[in-house]
Amino acid sequence: MKKWFFTCAMVAAALSVVDGQGPPQQPGPENKALEHFVGTWKMEGTMKPSPMGPGGSFTGTETCRMFDGGFHVVCDSEGSGAMGPMKGHMILAYDPTAKVYRYFAINNMAAPEMGPR
């Protein structure tokens, strides 16, 4: 019963949002600028020792694509370094209210990253 109620509430909320907006929004120039990050990127370098972990060389690959609708970029990465294998997921977006670009990233380490700070 709770699941049914939750589903109905979510559908009602979605319909109320769609109903009051008129035609769907289109990506603006700020969203289009994110297309510069689309592609597959190879990474390699050397990290200095820090409180974040030991230093050493690293390699990796990051693949970024425009998310459906053309407003945001989604990136998946994997690689290896002194701390072992790494996998990550990142979202790049333009925040029109604050007029800044933002990102949110997670990986197989403990802390997520958000920006700008």
PDB file of N, CA and C in Angstrom:
ATOM      1  N   MET A   1       0.822  -1.196   0.000  1.00  0.00           N
ATOM      2  CA  MET A   1       0.000   0.000   0.000  1.00  0.00           C
ATOM      3  C   MET A   1       0.869   1.264   0.000  1.00  0.00           C
ATOM      4  N   LYS A   2       1.933   1.269   0.825  1.00  0.00           N
ATOM      5  CA  LYS A   2       2.810   2.433   0.884  1.00  0.00           C
ATOM      6  C   LYS A   2       3.489   2.673  -0.453  1.00  0.00           C
ATOM      7  N   LYS A   3       3.919   1.577  -1.104  1.00  0.00           N
ATOM      8  CA  LYS A   3       4.580   1.703  -2.402  1.00  0.00           C
ATOM      9  C   LYS A   3       3.634   2.313  -3.436  1.00  0.00           C
ATOM     10  N   TRP A   4       2.382   1.878  -3.452  1.00  0.00           N
ATOM     11  CA  TRP A   4       1.381   2.405  -4.377  1.00  0.00           C
ATOM     12  C   TRP A   4       1.166   3.891  -4.125  1.00  0.00           C
ATOM     13  N   PHE A   5       1.034   4.284  -2.846  1.00  0.00           N
ATOM     14  CA  PHE A   5       0.823   5.686  -2.504  1.00  0.00           C
ATOM     15  C   PHE A   5       2.011   6.524  -2.948  1.00  0.00           C
ATOM     16  N   PHE A   6       3.232   6.034  -2.702  1.00  0.00           N
ATOM     17  CA  PHE A   6       4.431   6.762  -3.095  1.00  0.00           C
ATOM     18  C   PHE A   6       4.482   6.935  -4.608  1.00  0.00           C
ATOM     19  N   THR A   7       4.170   5.882  -5.353  1.00  0.00           N
ATOM     20  CA  THR A   7       4.177   5.949  -6.815  1.00  0.00           C
ATOM     21  C   THR A   7       3.168   6.977  -7.316  1.00  0.00           C
ATOM     22  N   CYS A   8       1.948   6.965  -6.760  1.00  0.00           N
ATOM     23  CA  CYS A   8       0.922   7.942  -7.160  1.00  0.00           C
ATOM     24  C   CYS A   8       1.358   9.368  -6.842  1.00  0.00           C
ATOM     25  N   ALA A   9       1.993   9.560  -5.681  1.00  0.00           N
ATOM     26  CA  ALA A   9       2.449  10.895  -5.302  1.00  0.00           C
ATOM     27  C   ALA A   9       3.527  11.389  -6.255  1.00  0.00           C
ATOM     28  N   MET A  10       4.447  10.509  -6.659  1.00  0.00           N
ATOM     29  CA  MET A  10       5.508  10.897  -7.590  1.00  0.00           C
ATOM     30  C   MET A  10       4.937  11.251  -8.960  1.00  0.00           C
ATOM     31  N   VAL A  11       3.971  10.479  -9.448  1.00  0.00           N
ATOM     32  CA  VAL A  11       3.348  10.770 -10.745  1.00  0.00           C
ATOM     33  C   VAL A  11       2.611  12.095 -10.682  1.00  0.00           C
ATOM     34  N   ALA A  12       1.884  12.346  -9.611  1.00  0.00           N
ATOM     35  CA  ALA A  12       1.150  13.610  -9.468  1.00  0.00           C
ATOM     36  C   ALA A  12       2.113  14.794  -9.430  1.00  0.00           C
ATOM     37  N   ALA A  13       3.212  14.642  -8.715  1.00  0.00           N
ATOM     38  CA  ALA A  13       4.196  15.729  -8.650  1.00  0.00           C
ATOM     39  C   ALA A  13       4.800  15.992 -10.022  1.00  0.00           C
ATOM     40  N   ALA A  14       5.136  14.933 -10.743  1.00  0.00           N
ATOM     41  CA  ALA A  14       5.718  15.100 -12.083  1.00  0.00           C
ATOM     42  C   ALA A  14       4.736  15.767 -13.028  1.00  0.00           C
ATOM     43  N   LEU A  15       3.484  15.379 -12.974  1.00  0.00           N
ATOM     44  CA  LEU A  15       2.477  15.980 -13.857  1.00  0.00           C
ATOM     45  C   LEU A  15       2.260  17.447 -13.519  1.00  0.00           C
ATOM     46  N   SER A  16       2.287  17.810 -12.248  1.00  0.00           N
ATOM     47  CA  SER A  16       2.080  19.211 -11.893  1.00  0.00           C
ATOM     48  C   SER A  16       3.230  20.081 -12.376  1.00  0.00           C
ATOM     49  N   VAL A  17       4.448  19.547 -12.348  1.00  0.00           N
ATOM     50  CA  VAL A  17       5.604  20.302 -12.842  1.00  0.00           C
ATOM     51  C   VAL A  17       5.519  20.468 -14.348  1.00  0.00           C
ATOM     52  N   VAL A  18       5.228  19.399 -15.068  1.00  0.00           N
ATOM     53  CA  VAL A  18       5.158  19.448 -16.527  1.00  0.00           C
ATOM     54  C   VAL A  18       4.029  20.342 -16.980  1.00  0.00           C
ATOM     55  N   ASP A  19       2.887  20.285 -16.326  1.00  0.00           N
ATOM     56  CA  ASP A  19       1.707  21.035 -16.735  1.00  0.00           C
ATOM     57  C   ASP A  19       1.936  22.540 -16.708  1.00  0.00           C
ATOM     58  N   GLY A  20       2.677  23.052 -15.715  1.00  0.00           N
ATOM     59  CA  GLY A  20       2.847  24.497 -15.585  1.00  0.00           C
ATOM     60  C   GLY A  20       4.001  25.069 -16.372  1.00  0.00           C
ATOM     61  N   GLN A  21       4.762  24.279 -17.082  1.00  0.00           N
ATOM     62  CA  GLN A  21       5.960  24.797 -17.727  1.00  0.00           C
ATOM     63  C   GLN A  21       5.782  25.196 -19.177  1.00  0.00           C
ATOM     64  N   GLY A  22       4.754  24.762 -19.835  1.00  0.00           N
ATOM     65  CA  GLY A  22       4.622  25.049 -21.257  1.00  0.00           C
ATOM     66  C   GLY A  22       5.590  24.187 -22.055  1.00  0.00           C
ATOM     67  N   PRO A  23       6.142  24.719 -23.152  1.00  0.00           N
ATOM     68  CA  PRO A  23       7.056  23.909 -23.963  1.00  0.00           C
ATOM     69  C   PRO A  23       8.324  23.554 -23.188  1.00  0.00           C
ATOM     70  N   PRO A  24       8.939  22.419 -23.506  1.00  0.00           N
ATOM     71  CA  PRO A  24      10.161  22.026 -22.798  1.00  0.00           C
ATOM     72  C   PRO A  24      11.281  23.034 -23.005  1.00  0.00           C
ATOM     73  N   GLN A  25      12.120  23.197 -21.983  1.00  0.00           N
ATOM     74  CA  GLN A  25      13.267  24.092 -22.098  1.00  0.00           C
ATOM     75  C   GLN A  25      14.273  23.527 -23.084  1.00  0.00           C
ATOM     76  N   GLN A  26      15.030  24.405 -23.675  1.00  0.00           N
ATOM     77  CA  GLN A  26      16.098  24.029 -24.591  1.00  0.00           C
ATOM     78  C   GLN A  26      17.435  24.424 -23.964  1.00  0.00           C
ATOM     79  N   PRO A  27      18.492  23.656 -24.225  1.00  0.00           N
ATOM     80  CA  PRO A  27      19.807  24.019 -23.691  1.00  0.00           C
ATOM     81  C   PRO A  27      20.254  25.387 -24.216  1.00  0.00           C
ATOM     82  N   GLY A  28      20.820  26.184 -23.326  1.00  0.00           N
ATOM     83  CA  GLY A  28      21.324  27.500 -23.698  1.00  0.00           C
ATOM     84  C   GLY A  28      22.803  27.444 -24.047  1.00  0.00           C
ATOM     85  N   PRO A  29      23.411  28.578 -24.345  1.00  0.00           N
ATOM     86  CA  PRO A  29      24.832  28.605 -24.711  1.00  0.00           C
ATOM     87  C   PRO A  29      25.738  28.090 -23.589  1.00  0.00           C
ATOM     88  N   GLU A  30      25.338  28.317 -22.325  1.00  0.00           N
ATOM     89  CA  GLU A  30      26.145  27.827 -21.206  1.00  0.00           C
ATOM     90  C   GLU A  30      26.157  26.297 -21.183  1.00  0.00           C
ATOM     91  N   ASN A  31      25.007  25.687 -21.507  1.00  0.00           N
ATOM     92  CA  ASN A  31      24.946  24.225 -21.573  1.00  0.00           C
ATOM     93  C   ASN A  31      25.754  23.707 -22.753  1.00  0.00           C
ATOM     94  N   LYS A  32      25.644  24.393 -23.883  1.00  0.00           N
ATOM     95  CA  LYS A  32      26.376  23.977 -25.091  1.00  0.00           C
ATOM     96  C   LYS A  32      27.891  24.041 -24.861  1.00  0.00           C
ATOM     97  N   ALA A  33      28.352  24.983 -24.025  1.00  0.00           N
ATOM     98  CA  ALA A  33      29.787  25.102 -23.752  1.00  0.00           C
ATOM     99  C   ALA A  33      30.331  23.838 -23.084  1.00  0.00           C
ATOM    100  N   LEU A  34      29.470  23.085 -22.395  1.00  0.00           N
ATOM    101  CA  LEU A  34      29.900  21.843 -21.761  1.00  0.00           C
ATOM    102  C   LEU A  34      30.302  20.777 -22.782  1.00  0.00           C
ATOM    103  N   GLU A  35      29.889  20.953 -24.043  1.00  0.00           N
ATOM    104  CA  GLU A  35      30.236  19.985 -25.086  1.00  0.00           C
ATOM    105  C   GLU A  35      31.750  19.862 -25.279  1.00  0.00           C
ATOM    106  N   HIS A  36      32.521  20.862 -24.818  1.00  0.00           N
ATOM    107  CA  HIS A  36      33.984  20.804 -24.929  1.00  0.00           C
ATOM    108  C   HIS A  36      34.561  19.617 -24.162  1.00  0.00           C
ATOM    109  N   PHE A  37      33.829  19.127 -23.157  1.00  0.00           N
ATOM    110  CA  PHE A  37      34.318  18.017 -22.346  1.00  0.00           C
ATOM    111  C   PHE A  37      33.950  16.653 -22.915  1.00  0.00           C
ATOM    112  N   VAL A  38      33.105  16.617 -23.946  1.00  0.00           N
ATOM    113  CA  VAL A  38      32.656  15.349 -24.516  1.00  0.00           C
ATOM    114  C   VAL A  38      33.806  14.675 -25.264  1.00  0.00           C
ATOM    115  N   GLY A  39      34.005  13.398 -25.003  1.00  0.00           N
ATOM    116  CA  GLY A  39      35.050  12.636 -25.675  1.00  0.00           C
ATOM    117  C   GLY A  39      35.685  11.640 -24.722  1.00  0.00           C
ATOM    118  N   THR A  40      36.715  10.992 -25.200  1.00  0.00           N
ATOM    119  CA  THR A  40      37.480  10.058 -24.381  1.00  0.00           C
ATOM    120  C   THR A  40      38.853  10.659 -24.154  1.00  0.00           C
ATOM    121  N   TRP A  41      39.240  10.732 -22.901  1.00  0.00           N
ATOM    122  CA  TRP A  41      40.473  11.405 -22.501  1.00  0.00           C
ATOM    123  C   TRP A  41      41.384  10.407 -21.809  1.00  0.00           C
ATOM    124  N   LYS A  42      42.640  10.388 -22.209  1.00  0.00           N
ATOM    125  CA  LYS A  42      43.662   9.558 -21.564  1.00  0.00           C
ATOM    126  C   LYS A  42      44.403  10.423 -20.554  1.00  0.00           C
ATOM    127  N   MET A  43      44.661   9.847 -19.380  1.00  0.00           N
ATOM    128  CA  MET A  43      45.349  10.585 -18.314  1.00  0.00           C
ATOM    129  C   MET A  43      46.579   9.808 -17.873  1.00  0.00           C
ATOM    130  N   GLU A  44      47.638  10.523 -17.593  1.00  0.00           N
ATOM    131  CA  GLU A  44      48.800   9.920 -16.945  1.00  0.00           C
ATOM    132  C   GLU A  44      49.580  11.035 -16.284  1.00  0.00           C
ATOM    133  N   GLY A  45      50.208  10.706 -15.186  1.00  0.00           N
ATOM    134  CA  GLY A  45      50.957  11.716 -14.466  1.00  0.00           C
ATOM    135  C   GLY A  45      51.549  11.167 -13.191  1.00  0.00           C
ATOM    136  N   THR A  46      52.060  12.083 -12.380  1.00  0.00           N
ATOM    137  CA  THR A  46      52.642  11.735 -11.096  1.00  0.00           C
ATOM    138  C   THR A  46      51.985  12.592 -10.025  1.00  0.00           C
ATOM    139  N   MET A  47      51.518  11.929  -8.974  1.00  0.00           N
ATOM    140  CA  MET A  47      50.905  12.635  -7.848  1.00  0.00           C
ATOM    141  C   MET A  47      51.938  12.771  -6.738  1.00  0.00           C
ATOM    142  N   LYS A  48      51.929  13.915  -6.074  1.00  0.00           N
ATOM    143  CA  LYS A  48      52.795  14.145  -4.919  1.00  0.00           C
ATOM    144  C   LYS A  48      52.140  13.511  -3.691  1.00  0.00           C
ATOM    145  N   PRO A  49      52.934  13.019  -2.742  1.00  0.00           N
ATOM    146  CA  PRO A  49      52.341  12.518  -1.498  1.00  0.00           C
ATOM    147  C   PRO A  49      51.595  13.650  -0.777  1.00  0.00           C
ATOM    148  N   SER A  50      50.448  13.314  -0.194  1.00  0.00           N
ATOM    149  CA  SER A  50      49.643  14.312   0.513  1.00  0.00           C
ATOM    150  C   SER A  50      48.761  13.588   1.531  1.00  0.00           C
ATOM    151  N   PRO A  51      47.982  14.345   2.309  1.00  0.00           N
ATOM    152  CA  PRO A  51      47.036  13.697   3.228  1.00  0.00           C
ATOM    153  C   PRO A  51      45.997  12.845   2.485  1.00  0.00           C
ATOM    154  N   MET A  52      45.841  13.086   1.174  1.00  0.00           N
ATOM    155  CA  MET A  52      44.887  12.314   0.372  1.00  0.00           C
ATOM    156  C   MET A  52      45.428  10.933   0.010  1.00  0.00           C
ATOM    157  N   GLY A  53      46.742  10.714   0.143  1.00  0.00           N
ATOM    158  CA  GLY A  53      47.299   9.412  -0.184  1.00  0.00           C
ATOM    159  C   GLY A  53      48.759   9.493  -0.571  1.00  0.00           C
ATOM    160  N   PRO A  54      49.340   8.323  -0.846  1.00  0.00           N
ATOM    161  CA  PRO A  54      50.753   8.290  -1.220  1.00  0.00           C
ATOM    162  C   PRO A  54      50.965   8.847  -2.629  1.00  0.00           C
ATOM    163  N   GLY A  55      52.147   9.282  -2.876  1.00  0.00           N
ATOM    164  CA  GLY A  55      52.479   9.757  -4.213  1.00  0.00           C
ATOM    165  C   GLY A  55      52.799   8.596  -5.133  1.00  0.00           C
ATOM    166  N   GLY A  56      52.935   8.919  -6.407  1.00  0.00           N
ATOM    167  CA  GLY A  56      53.297   7.905  -7.381  1.00  0.00           C
ATOM    168  C   GLY A  56      52.650   8.187  -8.717  1.00  0.00           C
ATOM    169  N   SER A  57      52.958   7.348  -9.695  1.00  0.00           N
ATOM    170  CA  SER A  57      52.413   7.554 -11.035  1.00  0.00           C
ATOM    171  C   SER A  57      50.986   7.016 -11.108  1.00  0.00           C
ATOM    172  N   PHE A  58      50.204   7.552 -12.056  1.00  0.00           N
ATOM    173  CA  PHE A  58      48.848   7.089 -12.298  1.00  0.00           C
ATOM    174  C   PHE A  58      48.559   7.124 -13.792  1.00  0.00           C
ATOM    175  N   THR A  59      47.628   6.303 -14.217  1.00  0.00           N
ATOM    176  CA  THR A  59      47.131   6.309 -15.589  1.00  0.00           C
ATOM    177  C   THR A  59      45.628   6.099 -15.536  1.00  0.00           C
ATOM    178  N   GLY A  60      44.946   6.543 -16.560  1.00  0.00           N
ATOM    179  CA  GLY A  60      43.507   6.342 -16.595  1.00  0.00           C
ATOM    180  C   GLY A  60      42.879   6.823 -17.884  1.00  0.00           C
ATOM    181  N   THR A  61      41.597   6.544 -17.993  1.00  0.00           N
ATOM    182  CA  THR A  61      40.793   6.958 -19.134  1.00  0.00           C
ATOM    183  C   THR A  61      39.474   7.507 -18.607  1.00  0.00           C
ATOM    184  N   GLU A  62      39.027   8.611 -19.188  1.00  0.00           N
ATOM    185  CA  GLU A  62      37.729   9.192 -18.829  1.00  0.00           C
ATOM    186  C   GLU A  62      36.923   9.380 -20.107  1.00  0.00           C
ATOM    187  N   THR A  63      35.686   8.912 -20.091  1.00  0.00           N
ATOM    188  CA  THR A  63      34.790   9.059 -21.236  1.00  0.00           C
ATOM    189  C   THR A  63      33.600   9.906 -20.817  1.00  0.00           C
ATOM    190  N   CYS A  64      33.380  11.013 -21.538  1.00  0.00           N
ATOM    191  CA  CYS A  64      32.309  11.956 -21.204  1.00  0.00           C
ATOM    192  C   CYS A  64      31.331  12.067 -22.367  1.00  0.00           C
ATOM    193  N   ARG A  65      30.046  12.185 -22.031  1.00  0.00           N
ATOM    194  CA  ARG A  65      28.993  12.311 -23.042  1.00  0.00           C
ATOM    195  C   ARG A  65      27.945  13.305 -22.544  1.00  0.00           C
ATOM    196  N   MET A  66      27.238  13.908 -23.496  1.00  0.00           N
ATOM    197  CA  MET A  66      26.105  14.766 -23.129  1.00  0.00           C
ATOM    198  C   MET A  66      24.985  13.860 -22.636  1.00  0.00           C
ATOM    199  N   PHE A  67      24.374  14.225 -21.538  1.00  0.00           N
ATOM    200  CA  PHE A  67      23.242  13.481 -21.014  1.00  0.00           C
ATOM    201  C   PHE A  67      22.004  13.832 -21.826  1.00  0.00           C
ATOM    202  N   ASP A  68      21.036  12.936 -21.833  1.00  0.00           N
ATOM    203  CA  ASP A  68      19.795  13.161 -22.586  1.00  0.00           C
ATOM    204  C   ASP A  68      19.240  14.557 -22.295  1.00  0.00           C
ATOM    205  N   GLY A  69      18.860  15.267 -23.312  1.00  0.00           N
ATOM    206  CA  GLY A  69      18.328  16.615 -23.179  1.00  0.00           C
ATOM    207  C   GLY A  69      19.348  17.688 -23.502  1.00  0.00           C
ATOM    208  N   GLY A  70      20.646  17.376 -23.388  1.00  0.00           N
ATOM    209  CA  GLY A  70      21.686  18.328 -23.755  1.00  0.00           C
ATOM    210  C   GLY A  70      22.023  19.366 -22.714  1.00  0.00           C
ATOM    211  N   PHE A  71      21.616  19.150 -21.448  1.00  0.00           N
ATOM    212  CA  PHE A  71      21.890  20.142 -20.409  1.00  0.00           C
ATOM    213  C   PHE A  71      23.145  19.844 -19.596  1.00  0.00           C
ATOM    214  N   HIS A  72      23.519  18.564 -19.487  1.00  0.00           N
ATOM    215  CA  HIS A  72      24.578  18.157 -18.577  1.00  0.00           C
ATOM    216  C   HIS A  72      25.527  17.170 -19.253  1.00  0.00           C
ATOM    217  N   VAL A  73      26.736  17.069 -18.706  1.00  0.00           N
ATOM    218  CA  VAL A  73      27.724  16.099 -19.177  1.00  0.00           C
ATOM    219  C   VAL A  73      27.929  15.059 -18.081  1.00  0.00           C
ATOM    220  N   VAL A  74      27.962  13.793 -18.481  1.00  0.00           N
ATOM    221  CA  VAL A  74      28.202  12.684 -17.565  1.00  0.00           C
ATOM    222  C   VAL A  74      29.503  12.010 -17.981  1.00  0.00           C
ATOM    223  N   CYS A  75      30.399  11.797 -17.015  1.00  0.00           N
ATOM    224  CA  CYS A  75      31.702  11.194 -17.297  1.00  0.00           C
ATOM    225  C   CYS A  75      31.918   9.955 -16.429  1.00  0.00           C
ATOM    226  N   ASP A  76      32.502   8.945 -17.033  1.00  0.00           N
ATOM    227  CA  ASP A  76      32.913   7.743 -16.314  1.00  0.00           C
ATOM    228  C   ASP A  76      34.408   7.583 -16.508  1.00  0.00           C
ATOM    229  N   SER A  77      35.109   7.271 -15.414  1.00  0.00           N
ATOM    230  CA  SER A  77      36.561   7.140 -15.498  1.00  0.00           C
ATOM    231  C   SER A  77      37.027   5.873 -14.795  1.00  0.00           C
ATOM    232  N   GLU A  78      38.165   5.393 -15.243  1.00  0.00           N
ATOM    233  CA  GLU A  78      38.821   4.298 -14.544  1.00  0.00           C
ATOM    234  C   GLU A  78      40.316   4.385 -14.806  1.00  0.00           C
ATOM    235  N   GLY A  79      41.063   3.899 -13.834  1.00  0.00           N
ATOM    236  CA  GLY A  79      42.504   3.947 -13.959  1.00  0.00           C
ATOM    237  C   GLY A  79      43.156   3.252 -12.787  1.00  0.00           C
ATOM    238  N   SER A  80      44.464   3.460 -12.645  1.00  0.00           N
ATOM    239  CA  SER A  80      45.186   2.864 -11.528  1.00  0.00           C
ATOM    240  C   SER A  80      46.315   3.793 -11.127  1.00  0.00           C
ATOM    241  N   GLY A  81      46.705   3.645  -9.863  1.00  0.00           N
ATOM    242  CA  GLY A  81      47.779   4.458  -9.322  1.00  0.00           C
ATOM    243  C   GLY A  81      48.311   3.835  -8.053  1.00  0.00           C
ATOM    244  N   ALA A  82      48.990   4.646  -7.244  1.00  0.00           N
ATOM    245  CA  ALA A  82      49.619   4.156  -6.024  1.00  0.00           C
ATOM    246  C   ALA A  82      48.605   3.577  -5.041  1.00  0.00           C
ATOM    247  N   MET A  83      47.363   4.012  -5.098  1.00  0.00           N
ATOM    248  CA  MET A  83      46.339   3.510  -4.174  1.00  0.00           C
ATOM    249  C   MET A  83      45.544   2.357  -4.777  1.00  0.00           C
ATOM    250  N   GLY A  84      45.937   1.892  -5.960  1.00  0.00           N
ATOM    251  CA  GLY A  84      45.250   0.770  -6.577  1.00  0.00           C
ATOM    252  C   GLY A  84      44.305   1.211  -7.672  1.00  0.00           C
ATOM    253  N   PRO A  85      43.400   0.307  -8.086  1.00  0.00           N
ATOM    254  CA  PRO A  85      42.463   0.642  -9.162  1.00  0.00           C
ATOM    255  C   PRO A  85      41.449   1.696  -8.719  1.00  0.00           C
ATOM    256  N   MET A  86      41.085   2.573  -9.657  1.00  0.00           N
ATOM    257  CA  MET A  86      40.111   3.632  -9.370  1.00  0.00           C
ATOM    258  C   MET A  86      39.019   3.610 -10.430  1.00  0.00           C
ATOM    259  N   LYS A  87      37.798   3.868  -9.985  1.00  0.00           N
ATOM    260  CA  LYS A  87      36.663   4.074 -10.883  1.00  0.00           C
ATOM    261  C   LYS A  87      35.931   5.302 -10.380  1.00  0.00           C
ATOM    262  N   GLY A  88      35.383   6.087 -11.305  1.00  0.00           N
ATOM    263  CA  GLY A  88      34.677   7.286 -10.895  1.00  0.00           C
ATOM    264  C   GLY A  88      33.536   7.626 -11.830  1.00  0.00           C
ATOM    265  N   HIS A  89      32.655   8.497 -11.335  1.00  0.00           N
ATOM    266  CA  HIS A  89      31.499   8.976 -12.090  1.00  0.00           C
ATOM    267  C   HIS A  89      31.364  10.462 -11.760  1.00  0.00           C
ATOM    268  N   MET A  90      31.208  11.313 -12.777  1.00  0.00           N
ATOM    269  CA  MET A  90      31.134  12.757 -12.557  1.00  0.00           C
ATOM    270  C   MET A  90      30.016  13.360 -13.406  1.00  0.00           C
ATOM    271  N   ILE A  91      29.390  14.382 -12.865  1.00  0.00           N
ATOM    272  CA  ILE A  91      28.367  15.142 -13.587  1.00  0.00           C
ATOM    273  C   ILE A  91      28.809  16.598 -13.616  1.00  0.00           C
ATOM    274  N   LEU A  92      28.810  17.196 -14.797  1.00  0.00           N
ATOM    275  CA  LEU A  92      29.101  18.621 -14.990  1.00  0.00           C
ATOM    276  C   LEU A  92      27.805  19.297 -15.402  1.00  0.00           C
ATOM    277  N   ALA A  93      27.512  20.449 -14.797  1.00  0.00           N
ATOM    278  CA  ALA A  93      26.250  21.134 -15.093  1.00  0.00           C
ATOM    279  C   ALA A  93      26.426  22.640 -14.949  1.00  0.00           C
ATOM    280  N   TYR A  94      25.548  23.380 -15.620  1.00  0.00           N
ATOM    281  CA  TYR A  94      25.491  24.828 -15.445  1.00  0.00           C
ATOM    282  C   TYR A  94      24.316  25.137 -14.529  1.00  0.00           C
ATOM    283  N   ASP A  95      24.562  25.930 -13.479  1.00  0.00           N
ATOM    284  CA  ASP A  95      23.524  26.342 -12.539  1.00  0.00           C
ATOM    285  C   ASP A  95      23.080  27.748 -12.932  1.00  0.00           C
ATOM    286  N   PRO A  96      21.912  27.883 -13.604  1.00  0.00           N
ATOM    287  CA  PRO A  96      21.501  29.199 -14.081  1.00  0.00           C
ATOM    288  C   PRO A  96      21.122  30.164 -12.961  1.00  0.00           C
ATOM    289  N   THR A  97      20.735  29.654 -11.811  1.00  0.00           N
ATOM    290  CA  THR A  97      20.375  30.525 -10.692  1.00  0.00           C
ATOM    291  C   THR A  97      21.607  31.226 -10.135  1.00  0.00           C
ATOM    292  N   ALA A  98      22.673  30.453  -9.893  1.00  0.00           N
ATOM    293  CA  ALA A  98      23.917  31.017  -9.362  1.00  0.00           C
ATOM    294  C   ALA A  98      24.849  31.512 -10.460  1.00  0.00           C
ATOM    295  N   LYS A  99      24.543  31.152 -11.718  1.00  0.00           N
ATOM    296  CA  LYS A  99      25.368  31.519 -12.871  1.00  0.00           C
ATOM    297  C   LYS A  99      26.803  31.006 -12.731  1.00  0.00           C
ATOM    298  N   VAL A 100      26.914  29.740 -12.340  1.00  0.00           N
ATOM    299  CA  VAL A 100      28.218  29.079 -12.227  1.00  0.00           C
ATOM    300  C   VAL A 100      28.099  27.651 -12.758  1.00  0.00           C
ATOM    301  N   TYR A 101      29.239  27.106 -13.156  1.00  0.00           N
ATOM    302  CA  TYR A 101      29.299  25.696 -13.523  1.00  0.00           C
ATOM    303  C   TYR A 101      29.559  24.901 -12.249  1.00  0.00           C
ATOM    304  N   ARG A 102      28.914  23.743 -12.135  1.00  0.00           N
ATOM    305  CA  ARG A 102      29.062  22.898 -10.954  1.00  0.00           C
ATOM    306  C   ARG A 102      29.443  21.489 -11.381  1.00  0.00           C
ATOM    307  N   TYR A 103      30.040  20.762 -10.455  1.00  0.00           N
ATOM    308  CA  TYR A 103      30.321  19.354 -10.703  1.00  0.00           C
ATOM    309  C   TYR A 103      30.061  18.564  -9.431  1.00  0.00           C
ATOM    310  N   PHE A 104      29.757  17.306  -9.614  1.00  0.00           N
ATOM    311  CA  PHE A 104      29.605  16.366  -8.510  1.00  0.00           C
ATOM    312  C   PHE A 104      30.278  15.086  -8.955  1.00  0.00           C
ATOM    313  N   ALA A 105      31.200  14.597  -8.137  1.00  0.00           N
ATOM    314  CA  ALA A 105      31.955  13.403  -8.517  1.00  0.00           C
ATOM    315  C   ALA A 105      31.992  12.412  -7.362  1.00  0.00           C
ATOM    316  N   ILE A 106      31.891  11.143  -7.726  1.00  0.00           N
ATOM    317  CA  ILE A 106      32.079  10.067  -6.771  1.00  0.00           C
ATOM    318  C   ILE A 106      33.080   9.087  -7.371  1.00  0.00           C
ATOM    319  N   ASN A 107      33.749   8.348  -6.491  1.00  0.00           N
ATOM    320  CA  ASN A 107      34.653   7.306  -6.958  1.00  0.00           C
ATOM    321  C   ASN A 107      34.698   6.205  -5.918  1.00  0.00           C
ATOM    322  N   ASN A 108      35.565   5.243  -6.106  1.00  0.00           N
ATOM    323  CA  ASN A 108      35.607   4.135  -5.172  1.00  0.00           C
ATOM    324  C   ASN A 108      36.399   4.460  -3.905  1.00  0.00           C
ATOM    325  N   MET A 109      36.655   5.732  -3.673  1.00  0.00           N
ATOM    326  CA  MET A 109      37.230   6.189  -2.405  1.00  0.00           C
ATOM    327  C   MET A 109      36.082   6.702  -1.539  1.00  0.00           C
ATOM    328  N   ALA A 110      36.373   7.197  -0.366  1.00  0.00           N
ATOM    329  CA  ALA A 110      35.330   7.508   0.604  1.00  0.00           C
ATOM    330  C   ALA A 110      34.546   8.798   0.336  1.00  0.00           C
ATOM    331  N   ALA A 111      35.217   9.881  -0.007  1.00  0.00           N
ATOM    332  CA  ALA A 111      34.560  11.189  -0.021  1.00  0.00           C
ATOM    333  C   ALA A 111      34.140  11.631  -1.426  1.00  0.00           C
ATOM    334  N   PRO A 112      32.893  12.111  -1.575  1.00  0.00           N
ATOM    335  CA  PRO A 112      32.495  12.692  -2.859  1.00  0.00           C
ATOM    336  C   PRO A 112      33.122  14.079  -3.007  1.00  0.00           C
ATOM    337  N   GLU A 113      33.160  14.568  -4.237  1.00  0.00           N
ATOM    338  CA  GLU A 113      33.669  15.917  -4.500  1.00  0.00           C
ATOM    339  C   GLU A 113      32.547  16.749  -5.093  1.00  0.00           C
ATOM    340  N   MET A 114      32.455  18.019  -4.685  1.00  0.00           N
ATOM    341  CA  MET A 114      31.458  18.935  -5.237  1.00  0.00           C
ATOM    342  C   MET A 114      32.127  20.268  -5.485  1.00  0.00           C
ATOM    343  N   GLY A 115      31.680  20.948  -6.506  1.00  0.00           N
ATOM    344  CA  GLY A 115      32.285  22.246  -6.760  1.00  0.00           C
ATOM    345  C   GLY A 115      31.312  23.175  -7.483  1.00  0.00           C
ATOM    346  N   PRO A 116      31.539  24.454  -7.505  1.00  0.00           N
ATOM    347  CA  PRO A 116      32.681  25.064  -6.841  1.00  0.00           C
ATOM    348  C   PRO A 116      32.461  25.108  -5.329  1.00  0.00           C
ATOM    349  N   ARG A 117      33.553  25.274  -4.605  1.00  0.00           N
ATOM    350  CA  ARG A 117      33.483  25.310  -3.138  1.00  0.00           C
ATOM    351  C   ARG A 117      33.322  26.697  -2.646  1.00  0.00           C
TER     352      ARG A 117
END
